Amino acid sequence: MDVTVLYFAGCPSWRTTVERVHMAAEQASVPVEVTTLAVETIEEAQRVGFAGSPTVWLEGTDPFGQPDAVPALACRVYATADGMAGSPTVRQLADALRQRAA
Protein backbone atom coordinates (compact mmCIF):
# COMPACT_ATOMS: atom_id res chain seq x y z
CA MET A 1 0.00 0.00 0.00
CA ASP A 2 1.26 3.46 -0.83
CA VAL A 3 1.53 5.66 2.26
CA THR A 4 2.55 9.30 2.05
CA VAL A 5 3.38 11.41 5.08
CA LEU A 6 3.00 15.09 4.25
CA TYR A 7 4.72 17.63 6.48
CA PHE A 8 6.23 21.07 6.67
CA ALA A 9 9.79 21.70 7.76
CA GLY A 10 8.91 23.14 11.18
CA CYS A 11 6.81 20.17 12.27
CA PRO A 12 8.21 18.34 15.31
CA SER A 13 5.99 15.26 14.80
CA TRP A 14 6.43 14.11 11.22
CA ARG A 15 9.39 11.79 11.85
CA THR A 16 7.51 10.12 14.71
CA THR A 17 4.60 9.61 12.34
CA VAL A 18 6.82 7.93 9.74
CA GLU A 19 8.20 5.59 12.42
CA ARG A 20 4.69 4.80 13.64
CA VAL A 21 3.49 4.05 10.11
CA HIS A 22 6.22 1.41 9.78
CA MET A 23 5.34 -0.07 13.20
CA ALA A 24 1.63 -0.04 12.35
CA ALA A 25 2.21 -1.75 9.00
CA GLU A 26 4.11 -4.54 10.74
CA GLN A 27 1.42 -4.85 13.39
CA ALA A 28 -1.36 -4.90 10.78
CA SER A 29 0.56 -7.23 8.43
CA VAL A 30 0.05 -4.76 5.60
CA PRO A 31 3.03 -4.18 3.31
CA VAL A 32 3.63 -0.47 2.74
CA GLU A 33 5.75 1.79 0.60
CA VAL A 34 6.25 4.98 2.62
CA THR A 35 7.18 8.27 1.02
CA THR A 36 7.37 11.73 2.50
CA LEU A 37 6.31 14.98 0.91
CA ALA A 38 7.42 18.37 2.20
CA VAL A 39 4.75 21.01 1.68
CA GLU A 40 6.52 24.34 1.43
CA THR A 41 3.95 27.01 0.57
CA ILE A 42 0.34 27.79 1.41
CA GLU A 43 -0.42 27.57 -2.31
CA GLU A 44 0.93 24.01 -2.37
CA ALA A 45 -1.03 23.22 0.81
CA GLN A 46 -4.23 24.41 -0.88
CA ARG A 47 -3.44 22.56 -4.11
CA VAL A 48 -2.90 19.17 -2.42
CA GLY A 49 -5.41 19.60 0.41
CA PHE A 50 -2.78 19.60 3.15
CA ALA A 51 -4.65 19.72 6.47
CA GLY A 52 -1.63 20.35 8.67
CA SER A 53 1.52 18.54 9.61
CA PRO A 54 1.78 15.63 9.70
CA THR A 55 -0.90 14.36 7.34
CA VAL A 56 -1.01 10.66 6.44
CA TRP A 57 -2.37 9.52 3.11
CA LEU A 58 -3.21 5.89 2.50
CA GLU A 59 -3.45 5.43 -1.27
CA GLY A 60 -4.05 9.19 -1.53
CA THR A 61 -6.79 9.35 1.10
CA ASP A 62 -6.53 10.90 4.58
CA PRO A 63 -8.12 8.38 6.98
CA PHE A 64 -8.13 10.99 9.74
CA GLY A 65 -9.43 13.84 7.57
CA GLN A 66 -12.13 16.23 8.67
CA PRO A 67 -14.55 17.57 6.06
CA ASP A 68 -14.18 21.14 7.34
CA ALA A 69 -10.35 21.10 7.49
CA VAL A 70 -8.73 24.19 6.03
CA PRO A 71 -5.42 23.77 4.20
CA ALA A 72 -2.61 25.37 6.21
CA LEU A 73 1.08 25.29 7.02
CA ALA A 74 0.40 24.45 10.65
CA CYS A 75 0.81 21.65 13.13
CA ARG A 76 -2.00 19.13 13.16
CA VAL A 77 -3.31 17.37 16.25
CA TYR A 78 -4.98 13.99 16.55
CA ALA A 79 -7.50 12.80 19.12
CA THR A 80 -6.07 9.68 20.78
CA ALA A 81 -7.12 7.57 23.76
CA ASP A 82 -4.56 9.50 25.82
CA GLY A 83 -5.70 12.95 24.66
CA MET A 84 -4.61 15.21 21.83
CA ALA A 85 -1.27 14.37 20.21
CA GLY A 86 0.90 15.53 17.33
CA SER A 87 0.70 12.15 15.61
CA PRO A 88 -1.79 9.30 15.34
CA THR A 89 -1.00 6.33 17.55
CA VAL A 90 0.38 3.09 16.18
CA ARG A 91 -2.98 1.48 16.93
CA GLN A 92 -4.90 4.18 15.04
CA LEU A 93 -2.59 3.81 12.07
CA ALA A 94 -2.79 -0.01 12.15
CA ASP A 95 -6.58 0.16 12.26
CA ALA A 96 -6.60 2.59 9.31
CA LEU A 97 -4.23 0.36 7.33
CA ARG A 98 -6.35 -2.73 7.97
CA GLN A 99 -9.52 -0.90 7.01
CA ARG A 100 -8.01 0.48 3.80
CA ALA A 101 -6.55 -2.92 2.87
CA ALA A 102 -9.90 -4.72 3.35
PDB file of N, CA and C in Angstrom:
ATOM      1  N   MET A   1       0.846  -1.169   0.000  1.00  0.00           N
ATOM      2  CA  MET A   1       0.000   0.000   0.000  1.00  0.00           C
ATOM      3  C   MET A   1       0.895   1.238   0.000  1.00  0.00           C
ATOM      4  N   ASP A   2       0.520   2.207  -0.811  1.00  0.00           N
ATOM      5  CA  ASP A   2       1.260   3.463  -0.832  1.00  0.00           C
ATOM      6  C   ASP A   2       0.821   4.344   0.325  1.00  0.00           C
ATOM      7  N   VAL A   3       1.784   4.765   1.136  1.00  0.00           N
ATOM      8  CA  VAL A   3       1.529   5.657   2.256  1.00  0.00           C
ATOM      9  C   VAL A   3       2.419   6.886   2.068  1.00  0.00           C
ATOM     10  N   THR A   4       1.802   8.051   2.148  1.00  0.00           N
ATOM     11  CA  THR A   4       2.551   9.298   2.052  1.00  0.00           C
ATOM     12  C   THR A   4       2.352  10.071   3.339  1.00  0.00           C
ATOM     13  N   VAL A   5       3.456  10.538   3.913  1.00  0.00           N
ATOM     14  CA  VAL A   5       3.383  11.413   5.080  1.00  0.00           C
ATOM     15  C   VAL A   5       3.761  12.808   4.589  1.00  0.00           C
ATOM     16  N   LEU A   6       2.795  13.708   4.653  1.00  0.00           N
ATOM     17  CA  LEU A   6       3.003  15.091   4.247  1.00  0.00           C
ATOM     18  C   LEU A   6       3.357  15.899   5.488  1.00  0.00           C
ATOM     19  N   TYR A   7       4.264  16.850   5.327  1.00  0.00           N
ATOM     20  CA  TYR A   7       4.716  17.628   6.478  1.00  0.00           C
ATOM     21  C   TYR A   7       5.257  18.972   6.011  1.00  0.00           C
ATOM     22  N   PHE A   8       5.468  19.867   6.972  1.00  0.00           N
ATOM     23  CA  PHE A   8       6.226  21.073   6.668  1.00  0.00           C
ATOM     24  C   PHE A   8       7.457  21.073   7.558  1.00  0.00           C
ATOM     25  N   ALA A   9       8.465  21.790   7.138  1.00  0.00           N
ATOM     26  CA  ALA A   9       9.790  21.703   7.759  1.00  0.00           C
ATOM     27  C   ALA A   9       9.794  21.972   9.260  1.00  0.00           C
ATOM     28  N   GLY A  10       8.910  22.810   9.760  1.00  0.00           N
ATOM     29  CA  GLY A  10       8.911  23.136  11.180  1.00  0.00           C
ATOM     30  C   GLY A  10       8.146  22.175  12.058  1.00  0.00           C
ATOM     31  N   CYS A  11       7.626  21.113  11.504  1.00  0.00           N
ATOM     32  CA  CYS A  11       6.808  20.166  12.265  1.00  0.00           C
ATOM     33  C   CYS A  11       7.679  19.254  13.135  1.00  0.00           C
ATOM     34  N   PRO A  12       7.416  19.226  14.439  1.00  0.00           N
ATOM     35  CA  PRO A  12       8.205  18.345  15.309  1.00  0.00           C
ATOM     36  C   PRO A  12       7.729  16.896  15.327  1.00  0.00           C
ATOM     37  N   SER A  13       6.595  16.598  14.675  1.00  0.00           N
ATOM     38  CA  SER A  13       5.991  15.262  14.801  1.00  0.00           C
ATOM     39  C   SER A  13       6.067  14.392  13.562  1.00  0.00           C
ATOM     40  N   TRP A  14       6.536  14.899  12.443  1.00  0.00           N
ATOM     41  CA  TRP A  14       6.434  14.111  11.217  1.00  0.00           C
ATOM     42  C   TRP A  14       7.322  12.873  11.236  1.00  0.00           C
ATOM     43  N   ARG A  15       8.511  12.970  11.813  1.00  0.00           N
ATOM     44  CA  ARG A  15       9.389  11.792  11.849  1.00  0.00           C
ATOM     45  C   ARG A  15       8.798  10.686  12.737  1.00  0.00           C
ATOM     46  N   THR A  16       8.191  11.085  13.843  1.00  0.00           N
ATOM     47  CA  THR A  16       7.507  10.120  14.709  1.00  0.00           C
ATOM     48  C   THR A  16       6.403   9.422  13.940  1.00  0.00           C
ATOM     49  N   THR A  17       5.683  10.182  13.130  1.00  0.00           N
ATOM     50  CA  THR A  17       4.598   9.608  12.341  1.00  0.00           C
ATOM     51  C   THR A  17       5.124   8.583  11.346  1.00  0.00           C
ATOM     52  N   VAL A  18       6.221   8.886  10.682  1.00  0.00           N
ATOM     53  CA  VAL A  18       6.816   7.931   9.737  1.00  0.00           C
ATOM     54  C   VAL A  18       7.195   6.644  10.474  1.00  0.00           C
ATOM     55  N   GLU A  19       7.825   6.776  11.634  1.00  0.00           N
ATOM     56  CA  GLU A  19       8.196   5.593  12.422  1.00  0.00           C
ATOM     57  C   GLU A  19       6.959   4.788  12.805  1.00  0.00           C
ATOM     58  N   ARG A  20       5.910   5.489  13.219  1.00  0.00           N
ATOM     59  CA  ARG A  20       4.687   4.798  13.635  1.00  0.00           C
ATOM     60  C   ARG A  20       3.993   4.109  12.464  1.00  0.00           C
ATOM     61  N   VAL A  21       4.068   4.696  11.286  1.00  0.00           N
ATOM     62  CA  VAL A  21       3.487   4.054  10.106  1.00  0.00           C
ATOM     63  C   VAL A  21       4.164   2.706   9.876  1.00  0.00           C
ATOM     64  N   HIS A  22       5.488   2.672   9.974  1.00  0.00           N
ATOM     65  CA  HIS A  22       6.217   1.410   9.785  1.00  0.00           C
ATOM     66  C   HIS A  22       5.833   0.384  10.861  1.00  0.00           C
ATOM     67  N   MET A  23       5.735   0.837  12.116  1.00  0.00           N
ATOM     68  CA  MET A  23       5.339  -0.075  13.198  1.00  0.00           C
ATOM     69  C   MET A  23       3.910  -0.574  12.992  1.00  0.00           C
ATOM     70  N   ALA A  24       3.029   0.323  12.570  1.00  0.00           N
ATOM     71  CA  ALA A  24       1.631  -0.038  12.350  1.00  0.00           C
ATOM     72  C   ALA A  24       1.502  -1.035  11.207  1.00  0.00           C
ATOM     73  N   ALA A  25       2.262  -0.846  10.144  1.00  0.00           N
ATOM     74  CA  ALA A  25       2.214  -1.753   8.998  1.00  0.00           C
ATOM     75  C   ALA A  25       2.629  -3.157   9.421  1.00  0.00           C
ATOM     76  N   GLU A  26       3.667  -3.238  10.240  1.00  0.00           N
ATOM     77  CA  GLU A  26       4.109  -4.538  10.736  1.00  0.00           C
ATOM     78  C   GLU A  26       3.027  -5.167  11.613  1.00  0.00           C
ATOM     79  N   GLN A  27       2.458  -4.363  12.493  1.00  0.00           N
ATOM     80  CA  GLN A  27       1.421  -4.852  13.393  1.00  0.00           C
ATOM     81  C   GLN A  27       0.179  -5.316  12.623  1.00  0.00           C
ATOM     82  N   ALA A  28      -0.163  -4.590  11.565  1.00  0.00           N
ATOM     83  CA  ALA A  28      -1.364  -4.905  10.784  1.00  0.00           C
ATOM     84  C   ALA A  28      -1.098  -5.934   9.690  1.00  0.00           C
ATOM     85  N   SER A  29       0.160  -6.307   9.513  1.00  0.00           N
ATOM     86  CA  SER A  29       0.560  -7.226   8.430  1.00  0.00           C
ATOM     87  C   SER A  29       0.134  -6.700   7.063  1.00  0.00           C
ATOM     88  N   VAL A  30       0.356  -5.402   6.878  1.00  0.00           N
ATOM     89  CA  VAL A  30       0.048  -4.757   5.602  1.00  0.00           C
ATOM     90  C   VAL A  30       1.357  -4.212   5.048  1.00  0.00           C
ATOM     91  N   PRO A  31       1.801  -4.713   3.899  1.00  0.00           N
ATOM     92  CA  PRO A  31       3.031  -4.177   3.309  1.00  0.00           C
ATOM     93  C   PRO A  31       2.798  -2.746   2.821  1.00  0.00           C
ATOM     94  N   VAL A  32       3.762  -1.875   3.129  1.00  0.00           N
ATOM     95  CA  VAL A  32       3.627  -0.465   2.741  1.00  0.00           C
ATOM     96  C   VAL A  32       4.882   0.033   2.043  1.00  0.00           C
ATOM     97  N   GLU A  33       4.676   1.014   1.215  1.00  0.00           N
ATOM     98  CA  GLU A  33       5.752   1.790   0.599  1.00  0.00           C
ATOM     99  C   GLU A  33       5.541   3.217   1.102  1.00  0.00           C
ATOM    100  N   VAL A  34       6.424   3.670   1.987  1.00  0.00           N
ATOM    101  CA  VAL A  34       6.249   4.977   2.617  1.00  0.00           C
ATOM    102  C   VAL A  34       7.105   6.023   1.917  1.00  0.00           C
ATOM    103  N   THR A  35       6.462   7.122   1.557  1.00  0.00           N
ATOM    104  CA  THR A  35       7.183   8.272   1.018  1.00  0.00           C
ATOM    105  C   THR A  35       6.811   9.481   1.858  1.00  0.00           C
ATOM    106  N   THR A  36       7.653  10.485   1.803  1.00  0.00           N
ATOM    107  CA  THR A  36       7.370  11.726   2.501  1.00  0.00           C
ATOM    108  C   THR A  36       7.278  12.851   1.472  1.00  0.00           C
ATOM    109  N   LEU A  37       6.489  13.838   1.791  1.00  0.00           N
ATOM    110  CA  LEU A  37       6.307  14.981   0.908  1.00  0.00           C
ATOM    111  C   LEU A  37       6.329  16.249   1.738  1.00  0.00           C
ATOM    112  N   ALA A  38       7.333  17.085   1.507  1.00  0.00           N
ATOM    113  CA  ALA A  38       7.421  18.370   2.196  1.00  0.00           C
ATOM    114  C   ALA A  38       6.531  19.372   1.473  1.00  0.00           C
ATOM    115  N   VAL A  39       5.618  19.965   2.208  1.00  0.00           N
ATOM    116  CA  VAL A  39       4.749  21.008   1.677  1.00  0.00           C
ATOM    117  C   VAL A  39       5.369  22.331   2.107  1.00  0.00           C
ATOM    118  N   GLU A  40       5.706  23.162   1.131  1.00  0.00           N
ATOM    119  CA  GLU A  40       6.523  24.337   1.430  1.00  0.00           C
ATOM    120  C   GLU A  40       5.809  25.677   1.355  1.00  0.00           C
ATOM    121  N   THR A  41       4.662  25.730   0.694  1.00  0.00           N
ATOM    122  CA  THR A  41       3.951  27.005   0.574  1.00  0.00           C
ATOM    123  C   THR A  41       2.465  26.798   0.841  1.00  0.00           C
ATOM    124  N   ILE A  42       1.786  27.885   1.191  1.00  0.00           N
ATOM    125  CA  ILE A  42       0.344  27.794   1.407  1.00  0.00           C
ATOM    126  C   ILE A  42      -0.366  27.449   0.101  1.00  0.00           C
ATOM    127  N   GLU A  43       0.175  27.903  -1.010  1.00  0.00           N
ATOM    128  CA  GLU A  43      -0.421  27.565  -2.306  1.00  0.00           C
ATOM    129  C   GLU A  43      -0.355  26.055  -2.554  1.00  0.00           C
ATOM    130  N   GLU A  44       0.789  25.464  -2.227  1.00  0.00           N
ATOM    131  CA  GLU A  44       0.929  24.012  -2.375  1.00  0.00           C
ATOM    132  C   GLU A  44      -0.006  23.289  -1.406  1.00  0.00           C
ATOM    133  N   ALA A  45      -0.124  23.808  -0.179  1.00  0.00           N
ATOM    134  CA  ALA A  45      -1.034  23.219   0.809  1.00  0.00           C
ATOM    135  C   ALA A  45      -2.467  23.218   0.278  1.00  0.00           C
ATOM    136  N   GLN A  46      -2.877  24.317  -0.323  1.00  0.00           N
ATOM    137  CA  GLN A  46      -4.227  24.414  -0.877  1.00  0.00           C
ATOM    138  C   GLN A  46      -4.392  23.472  -2.066  1.00  0.00           C
ATOM    139  N   ARG A  47      -3.373  23.393  -2.910  1.00  0.00           N
ATOM    140  CA  ARG A  47      -3.442  22.561  -4.106  1.00  0.00           C
ATOM    141  C   ARG A  47      -3.594  21.071  -3.765  1.00  0.00           C
ATOM    142  N   VAL A  48      -2.853  20.609  -2.755  1.00  0.00           N
ATOM    143  CA  VAL A  48      -2.896  19.175  -2.422  1.00  0.00           C
ATOM    144  C   VAL A  48      -3.878  18.840  -1.297  1.00  0.00           C
ATOM    145  N   GLY A  49      -4.486  19.857  -0.686  1.00  0.00           N
ATOM    146  CA  GLY A  49      -5.409  19.603   0.414  1.00  0.00           C
ATOM    147  C   GLY A  49      -4.717  19.224   1.699  1.00  0.00           C
ATOM    148  N   PHE A  50      -3.593  19.877   1.964  1.00  0.00           N
ATOM    149  CA  PHE A  50      -2.776  19.602   3.149  1.00  0.00           C
ATOM    150  C   PHE A  50      -3.465  20.180   4.384  1.00  0.00           C
ATOM    151  N   ALA A  51      -3.876  19.311   5.292  1.00  0.00           N
ATOM    152  CA  ALA A  51      -4.649  19.718   6.466  1.00  0.00           C
ATOM    153  C   ALA A  51      -3.791  19.921   7.705  1.00  0.00           C
ATOM    154  N   GLY A  52      -2.521  20.162   7.537  1.00  0.00           N
ATOM    155  CA  GLY A  52      -1.626  20.348   8.675  1.00  0.00           C
ATOM    156  C   GLY A  52      -0.634  19.213   8.765  1.00  0.00           C
ATOM    157  N   SER A  53       0.396  19.451   9.537  1.00  0.00           N
ATOM    158  CA  SER A  53       1.524  18.537   9.606  1.00  0.00           C
ATOM    159  C   SER A  53       1.574  17.801  10.936  1.00  0.00           C
ATOM    160  N   PRO A  54       1.703  16.490  10.867  1.00  0.00           N
ATOM    161  CA  PRO A  54       1.785  15.629   9.696  1.00  0.00           C
ATOM    162  C   PRO A  54       0.403  15.187   9.220  1.00  0.00           C
ATOM    163  N   THR A  55       0.289  14.958   7.930  1.00  0.00           N
ATOM    164  CA  THR A  55      -0.902  14.362   7.341  1.00  0.00           C
ATOM    165  C   THR A  55      -0.482  13.027   6.739  1.00  0.00           C
ATOM    166  N   VAL A  56      -1.288  12.000   6.965  1.00  0.00           N
ATOM    167  CA  VAL A  56      -1.007  10.664   6.440  1.00  0.00           C
ATOM    168  C   VAL A  56      -2.022  10.355   5.349  1.00  0.00           C
ATOM    169  N   TRP A  57      -1.503   9.983   4.188  1.00  0.00           N
ATOM    170  CA  TRP A  57      -2.365   9.523   3.106  1.00  0.00           C
ATOM    171  C   TRP A  57      -2.152   8.036   2.904  1.00  0.00           C
ATOM    172  N   LEU A  58      -3.240   7.294   2.865  1.00  0.00           N
ATOM    173  CA  LEU A  58      -3.215   5.886   2.497  1.00  0.00           C
ATOM    174  C   LEU A  58      -3.827   5.795   1.106  1.00  0.00           C
ATOM    175  N   GLU A  59      -2.994   5.474   0.124  1.00  0.00           N
ATOM    176  CA  GLU A  59      -3.446   5.433  -1.271  1.00  0.00           C
ATOM    177  C   GLU A  59      -4.109   6.757  -1.655  1.00  0.00           C
ATOM    178  N   GLY A  60      -3.552   7.868  -1.163  1.00  0.00           N
ATOM    179  CA  GLY A  60      -4.048   9.194  -1.535  1.00  0.00           C
ATOM    180  C   GLY A  60      -5.219   9.717  -0.733  1.00  0.00           C
ATOM    181  N   THR A  61      -5.649   8.955   0.286  1.00  0.00           N
ATOM    182  CA  THR A  61      -6.791   9.355   1.104  1.00  0.00           C
ATOM    183  C   THR A  61      -6.350   9.549   2.554  1.00  0.00           C
ATOM    184  N   ASP A  62      -6.847  10.607   3.183  1.00  0.00           N
ATOM    185  CA  ASP A  62      -6.531  10.904   4.575  1.00  0.00           C
ATOM    186  C   ASP A  62      -7.547  10.203   5.477  1.00  0.00           C
ATOM    187  N   PRO A  63      -7.158   9.106   6.143  1.00  0.00           N
ATOM    188  CA  PRO A  63      -8.117   8.377   6.977  1.00  0.00           C
ATOM    189  C   PRO A  63      -8.535   9.137   8.234  1.00  0.00           C
ATOM    190  N   PHE A  64      -7.824  10.196   8.550  1.00  0.00           N
ATOM    191  CA  PHE A  64      -8.134  10.995   9.737  1.00  0.00           C
ATOM    192  C   PHE A  64      -8.690  12.364   9.359  1.00  0.00           C
ATOM    193  N   GLY A  65      -9.003  12.541   8.087  1.00  0.00           N
ATOM    194  CA  GLY A  65      -9.432  13.838   7.572  1.00  0.00           C
ATOM    195  C   GLY A  65     -10.764  14.296   8.140  1.00  0.00           C
ATOM    196  N   GLN A  66     -10.890  15.593   8.237  1.00  0.00           N
ATOM    197  CA  GLN A  66     -12.128  16.227   8.672  1.00  0.00           C
ATOM    198  C   GLN A  66     -12.696  17.009   7.490  1.00  0.00           C
ATOM    199  N   PRO A  67     -13.989  16.906   7.233  1.00  0.00           N
ATOM    200  CA  PRO A  67     -14.554  17.569   6.063  1.00  0.00           C
ATOM    201  C   PRO A  67     -14.393  19.094   6.076  1.00  0.00           C
ATOM    202  N   ASP A  68     -14.294  19.683   7.253  1.00  0.00           N
ATOM    203  CA  ASP A  68     -14.183  21.137   7.343  1.00  0.00           C
ATOM    204  C   ASP A  68     -12.735  21.617   7.520  1.00  0.00           C
ATOM    205  N   ALA A  69     -11.767  20.727   7.320  1.00  0.00           N
ATOM    206  CA  ALA A  69     -10.352  21.096   7.489  1.00  0.00           C
ATOM    207  C   ALA A  69      -9.954  22.141   6.446  1.00  0.00           C
ATOM    208  N   VAL A  70      -9.207  23.127   6.906  1.00  0.00           N
ATOM    209  CA  VAL A  70      -8.729  24.194   6.035  1.00  0.00           C
ATOM    210  C   VAL A  70      -7.250  23.958   5.763  1.00  0.00           C
ATOM    211  N   PRO A  71      -6.844  23.945   4.491  1.00  0.00           N
ATOM    212  CA  PRO A  71      -5.415  23.766   4.196  1.00  0.00           C
ATOM    213  C   PRO A  71      -4.576  24.851   4.877  1.00  0.00           C
ATOM    214  N   ALA A  72      -3.459  24.424   5.489  1.00  0.00           N
ATOM    215  CA  ALA A  72      -2.614  25.367   6.212  1.00  0.00           C
ATOM    216  C   ALA A  72      -1.229  24.792   6.452  1.00  0.00           C
ATOM    217  N   LEU A  73      -0.260  25.683   6.578  1.00  0.00           N
ATOM    218  CA  LEU A  73       1.078  25.285   7.016  1.00  0.00           C
ATOM    219  C   LEU A  73       1.092  25.428   8.533  1.00  0.00           C
ATOM    220  N   ALA A  74       0.560  24.419   9.196  1.00  0.00           N
ATOM    221  CA  ALA A  74       0.405  24.452  10.648  1.00  0.00           C
ATOM    222  C   ALA A  74       0.548  23.043  11.190  1.00  0.00           C
ATOM    223  N   CYS A  75       0.767  22.953  12.487  1.00  0.00           N
ATOM    224  CA  CYS A  75       0.811  21.650  13.131  1.00  0.00           C
ATOM    225  C   CYS A  75      -0.611  21.095  13.215  1.00  0.00           C
ATOM    226  N   ARG A  76      -0.715  19.812  13.077  1.00  0.00           N
ATOM    227  CA  ARG A  76      -1.998  19.127  13.163  1.00  0.00           C
ATOM    228  C   ARG A  76      -2.020  18.315  14.444  1.00  0.00           C
ATOM    229  N   VAL A  77      -3.180  18.201  15.058  1.00  0.00           N
ATOM    230  CA  VAL A  77      -3.309  17.374  16.250  1.00  0.00           C
ATOM    231  C   VAL A  77      -4.336  16.282  15.996  1.00  0.00           C
ATOM    232  N   TYR A  78      -4.138  15.177  16.690  1.00  0.00           N
ATOM    233  CA  TYR A  78      -4.980  13.995  16.546  1.00  0.00           C
ATOM    234  C   TYR A  78      -5.576  13.638  17.902  1.00  0.00           C
ATOM    235  N   ALA A  79      -6.854  13.283  17.903  1.00  0.00           N
ATOM    236  CA  ALA A  79      -7.502  12.798  19.121  1.00  0.00           C
ATOM    237  C   ALA A  79      -7.090  11.345  19.322  1.00  0.00           C
ATOM    238  N   THR A  80      -6.476  11.053  20.451  1.00  0.00           N
ATOM    239  CA  THR A  80      -6.067   9.684  20.784  1.00  0.00           C
ATOM    240  C   THR A  80      -6.698   9.291  22.114  1.00  0.00           C
ATOM    241  N   ALA A  81      -6.580   8.043  22.484  1.00  0.00           N
ATOM    242  CA  ALA A  81      -7.120   7.569  23.763  1.00  0.00           C
ATOM    243  C   ALA A  81      -6.472   8.289  24.947  1.00  0.00           C
ATOM    244  N   ASP A  82      -5.267   8.798  24.747  1.00  0.00           N
ATOM    245  CA  ASP A  82      -4.555   9.504  25.816  1.00  0.00           C
ATOM    246  C   ASP A  82      -4.683  11.022  25.719  1.00  0.00           C
ATOM    247  N   GLY A  83      -5.543  11.508  24.840  1.00  0.00           N
ATOM    248  CA  GLY A  83      -5.705  12.953  24.657  1.00  0.00           C
ATOM    249  C   GLY A  83      -5.174  13.377  23.300  1.00  0.00           C
ATOM    250  N   MET A  84      -5.082  14.668  23.110  1.00  0.00           N
ATOM    251  CA  MET A  84      -4.613  15.206  21.834  1.00  0.00           C
ATOM    252  C   MET A  84      -3.104  14.974  21.699  1.00  0.00           C
ATOM    253  N   ALA A  85      -2.687  14.662  20.457  1.00  0.00           N
ATOM    254  CA  ALA A  85      -1.272  14.373  20.205  1.00  0.00           C
ATOM    255  C   ALA A  85      -0.898  14.871  18.810  1.00  0.00           C
ATOM    256  N   GLY A  86       0.389  15.039  18.594  1.00  0.00           N
ATOM    257  CA  GLY A  86       0.900  15.533  17.332  1.00  0.00           C
ATOM    258  C   GLY A  86       0.998  14.485  16.243  1.00  0.00           C
ATOM    259  N   SER A  87       0.616  13.255  16.561  1.00  0.00           N
ATOM    260  CA  SER A  87       0.703  12.148  15.615  1.00  0.00           C
ATOM    261  C   SER A  87      -0.344  11.107  15.976  1.00  0.00           C
ATOM    262  N   PRO A  88      -0.899  10.407  14.987  1.00  0.00           N
ATOM    263  CA  PRO A  88      -1.785   9.298  15.337  1.00  0.00           C
ATOM    264  C   PRO A  88      -0.988   8.203  16.050  1.00  0.00           C
ATOM    265  N   THR A  89      -1.672   7.431  16.861  1.00  0.00           N
ATOM    266  CA  THR A  89      -0.999   6.329  17.555  1.00  0.00           C
ATOM    267  C   THR A  89      -0.740   5.187  16.577  1.00  0.00           C
ATOM    268  N   VAL A  90       0.119   4.288  16.985  1.00  0.00           N
ATOM    269  CA  VAL A  90       0.382   3.089  16.181  1.00  0.00           C
ATOM    270  C   VAL A  90      -0.926   2.323  15.990  1.00  0.00           C
ATOM    271  N   ARG A  91      -1.707   2.205  17.024  1.00  0.00           N
ATOM    272  CA  ARG A  91      -2.983   1.479  16.930  1.00  0.00           C
ATOM    273  C   ARG A  91      -3.928   2.144  15.934  1.00  0.00           C
ATOM    274  N   GLN A  92      -4.038   3.476  15.996  1.00  0.00           N
ATOM    275  CA  GLN A  92      -4.902   4.180  15.043  1.00  0.00           C
ATOM    276  C   GLN A  92      -4.436   3.953  13.609  1.00  0.00           C
ATOM    277  N   LEU A  93      -3.140   4.016  13.413  1.00  0.00           N
ATOM    278  CA  LEU A  93      -2.588   3.807  12.072  1.00  0.00           C
ATOM    279  C   LEU A  93      -2.793   2.360  11.609  1.00  0.00           C
ATOM    280  N   ALA A  94      -2.580   1.407  12.499  1.00  0.00           N
ATOM    281  CA  ALA A  94      -2.785  -0.007  12.146  1.00  0.00           C
ATOM    282  C   ALA A  94      -4.245  -0.259  11.789  1.00  0.00           C
ATOM    283  N   ASP A  95      -5.155   0.307  12.562  1.00  0.00           N
ATOM    284  CA  ASP A  95      -6.582   0.162  12.258  1.00  0.00           C
ATOM    285  C   ASP A  95      -6.909   0.761  10.890  1.00  0.00           C
ATOM    286  N   ALA A  96      -6.358   1.930  10.602  1.00  0.00           N
ATOM    287  CA  ALA A  96      -6.600   2.591   9.315  1.00  0.00           C
ATOM    288  C   ALA A  96      -6.027   1.767   8.162  1.00  0.00           C
ATOM    289  N   LEU A  97      -4.841   1.203   8.357  1.00  0.00           N
ATOM    290  CA  LEU A  97      -4.232   0.364   7.328  1.00  0.00           C
ATOM    291  C   LEU A  97      -5.075  -0.874   7.063  1.00  0.00           C
ATOM    292  N   ARG A  98      -5.519  -1.532   8.126  1.00  0.00           N
ATOM    293  CA  ARG A  98      -6.353  -2.728   7.966  1.00  0.00           C
ATOM    294  C   ARG A  98      -7.652  -2.394   7.226  1.00  0.00           C
ATOM    295  N   GLN A  99      -8.260  -1.296   7.624  1.00  0.00           N
ATOM    296  CA  GLN A  99      -9.523  -0.897   7.011  1.00  0.00           C
ATOM    297  C   GLN A  99      -9.338  -0.582   5.529  1.00  0.00           C
ATOM    298  N   ARG A 100      -8.270   0.117   5.205  1.00  0.00           N
ATOM    299  CA  ARG A 100      -8.013   0.477   3.803  1.00  0.00           C
ATOM    300  C   ARG A 100      -7.659  -0.754   2.971  1.00  0.00           C
ATOM    301  N   ALA A 101      -6.980  -1.719   3.586  1.00  0.00           N
ATOM    302  CA  ALA A 101      -6.555  -2.920   2.871  1.00  0.00           C
ATOM    303  C   ALA A 101      -7.705  -3.903   2.645  1.00  0.00           C
ATOM    304  N   ALA A 102      -8.770  -3.763   3.434  1.00  0.00           N
ATOM    305  CA  ALA A 102      -9.899  -4.717   3.352  1.00  0.00           C
ATOM    306  C   ALA A 102     -10.679  -4.576   2.054  1.00  0.00           C
TER     307      ALA A 102
END
